[in-house]
Structures are given as structure tokens and as C-alpha cells.
Amino acid sequence: MTVPTELLPVCPVCGRPMTMNLRSDDRFVEDEGWVEASGRYSDFLQAHQGRVLYLELGVGYNTPVIIKYPFWRMTARNPKAVYACINYDEAVCPKELGGQAVCIDGDVGAVLQTLSCI
């Protein structure tokens, strides 16, 4: 199965093939909307530094610097924080988080369904 070349999107300015805006290389676009959202996220984190749960649902190792590593770092820095990870075959965290971490290896949907019945 292939997609005909004429159906691939191209840039209306330069005519080069377009690609998804994924943080996989140096071409990730951090436009005005991204910068504003990043600021709101930073403000939220600053305002909620007390007792907090860093809940990671299905995050793998494609781009761990976006969610996984910051969650680990923020948990390690805050003795009141808890890191919880639900992931199929990738539910792991540094042993240094000790009792501040809960890692559940399983399908996110199935685990949440089970938890909702408790």
C-alpha cells in the first residue's frame, strides 16, 4: 500500500514536502500559540508545588524529555509529590523515587476501568 506522490502535502511557499510538527528533529515549530501554552503550563506548575500527583498515562520513550523526565525530576525535588505511571510494558521509573512512585504495567484503559470500580 502506497500513497501517490501527488497526494502528499507540500509547502505553499517553497513547494517542499510537508511533515508533521513532531519533536523528533530540529524542525519543531514553537509558534506563538505554543509559547503561550508553555507559559500557562509553567505558571500552573509554579502555583501547584505542594502535594501533587504527576500522573503519566501511556507515555513511552519517543520523547521522554517532554513529560517523563520532567515528572521524575519534579517528583524527586518535592517530598510531597507522587509519580504514577500506567503503561503497557514501559511502566518504569528511577529507583531513587522509592516510595514516591507507583508504576502499573498494563493497558491504560483497562487499568482506569478497574480503578473506577474500586
Protein backbone atom coordinates (compact mmCIF):
# COMPACT_ATOMS: atom_id res chain seq x y z
CA MET A 1 0.00 0.00 0.00
CA THR A 2 1.42 3.35 -1.03
CA VAL A 3 0.19 6.90 -1.31
CA PRO A 4 0.55 8.54 -4.72
CA THR A 5 3.18 11.28 -4.65
CA GLU A 6 0.71 13.89 -5.94
CA LEU A 7 -1.39 13.40 -2.77
CA LEU A 8 1.45 14.29 -0.41
CA PRO A 9 1.13 17.80 1.03
CA VAL A 10 3.67 20.41 0.01
CA CYS A 11 4.53 23.82 1.39
CA PRO A 12 2.62 26.55 -0.48
CA VAL A 13 5.66 28.84 -0.19
CA CYS A 14 8.65 26.71 -1.19
CA GLY A 15 6.99 23.60 -2.66
CA ARG A 16 8.97 21.19 -0.46
CA PRO A 17 7.22 18.19 1.15
CA MET A 18 5.48 18.99 4.42
CA THR A 19 5.88 16.97 7.59
CA MET A 20 4.06 16.66 10.90
CA ASN A 21 5.11 19.02 13.67
CA LEU A 22 6.66 16.39 15.94
CA ARG A 23 9.51 16.94 18.36
CA SER A 24 11.72 14.45 16.54
CA ASP A 25 14.27 16.75 14.95
CA ASP A 26 15.36 20.40 14.78
CA ARG A 27 12.32 21.46 12.72
CA PHE A 28 9.76 21.52 15.57
CA VAL A 29 7.73 24.72 15.32
CA GLU A 30 7.32 26.65 18.54
CA ASP A 31 4.91 29.31 17.30
CA GLU A 32 3.11 32.00 19.34
CA GLY A 33 0.38 29.57 20.44
CA TRP A 34 2.97 27.06 21.62
CA VAL A 35 4.86 29.74 23.56
CA GLU A 36 1.64 30.94 25.24
CA ALA A 37 0.64 27.38 26.21
CA SER A 38 4.13 26.71 27.54
CA GLY A 39 3.86 29.81 29.72
CA ARG A 40 0.48 28.71 31.09
CA TYR A 41 1.93 25.29 31.89
CA SER A 42 4.90 26.86 33.70
CA ASP A 43 2.54 29.11 35.67
CA PHE A 44 0.42 26.10 36.64
CA LEU A 45 3.46 24.15 37.82
CA GLN A 46 4.68 27.13 39.84
CA ALA A 47 1.28 27.55 41.51
CA HIS A 48 0.94 23.85 42.40
CA GLN A 49 4.19 22.86 44.06
CA GLY A 50 2.74 21.39 47.25
CA ARG A 51 1.15 17.96 47.42
CA VAL A 52 0.88 16.92 43.79
CA LEU A 53 0.38 13.78 41.70
CA TYR A 54 2.32 13.57 38.46
CA LEU A 55 0.12 11.13 36.52
CA GLU A 56 1.65 9.72 33.39
CA LEU A 57 -0.68 7.75 31.14
CA GLY A 58 0.82 5.75 28.28
CA VAL A 59 3.93 7.85 27.78
CA GLY A 60 6.72 5.92 26.12
CA TYR A 61 10.29 6.74 25.23
CA ASN A 62 9.70 8.55 21.91
CA THR A 63 10.18 11.97 23.52
CA PRO A 64 10.81 11.38 27.25
CA VAL A 65 12.18 14.90 27.77
CA ILE A 66 8.67 16.34 27.34
CA ILE A 67 6.79 14.51 30.13
CA LYS A 68 8.62 11.53 31.64
CA TYR A 69 11.94 13.06 32.68
CA PRO A 70 10.45 16.35 33.96
CA PHE A 71 7.88 14.40 36.03
CA TRP A 72 10.69 12.31 37.55
CA ARG A 73 12.74 15.43 38.30
CA MET A 74 9.81 17.33 39.86
CA THR A 75 8.87 14.32 41.98
CA ALA A 76 12.43 13.90 43.23
CA ARG A 77 12.60 17.57 44.21
CA ASN A 78 9.30 17.55 46.13
CA PRO A 79 8.93 15.14 49.07
CA LYS A 80 5.15 15.68 48.96
CA ALA A 81 4.88 14.65 45.30
CA VAL A 82 3.91 11.26 43.91
CA TYR A 83 4.72 9.98 40.43
CA ALA A 84 2.25 7.46 38.98
CA CYS A 85 2.77 5.73 35.66
CA ILE A 86 0.37 3.44 33.83
CA ASN A 87 1.86 1.98 30.69
CA TYR A 88 1.88 -1.30 28.84
CA ASP A 89 5.41 -2.78 29.01
CA GLU A 90 7.03 0.58 29.85
CA ALA A 91 5.87 1.29 33.40
CA VAL A 92 9.21 2.18 34.95
CA CYS A 93 10.85 4.92 36.97
CA PRO A 94 14.16 5.56 38.70
CA LYS A 95 14.64 3.55 41.89
CA GLU A 96 15.63 6.83 43.59
CA LEU A 97 11.94 7.85 43.63
CA GLY A 98 11.33 4.96 46.03
CA GLY A 99 8.00 5.25 47.86
CA GLN A 100 7.08 8.34 45.88
CA ALA A 101 6.34 6.27 42.78
CA VAL A 102 3.67 3.84 41.64
CA CYS A 103 4.22 2.07 38.31
CA ILE A 104 1.46 -0.07 36.86
CA ASP A 105 2.24 -2.26 33.86
CA GLY A 106 -0.96 -2.61 31.86
CA ASP A 107 -3.35 -1.19 29.31
CA VAL A 108 -4.30 2.34 30.39
CA GLY A 109 -7.99 1.90 29.55
CA ALA A 110 -8.29 -1.40 31.39
CA VAL A 111 -6.43 -0.11 34.47
CA LEU A 112 -8.56 3.06 34.66
CA GLN A 113 -11.72 0.98 34.25
CA THR A 114 -10.65 -1.27 37.12
CA LEU A 115 -9.78 1.74 39.30
CA SER A 116 -13.15 3.36 38.60
CA CYS A 117 -14.87 0.28 40.08
CA ILE A 118 -12.99 0.47 43.38
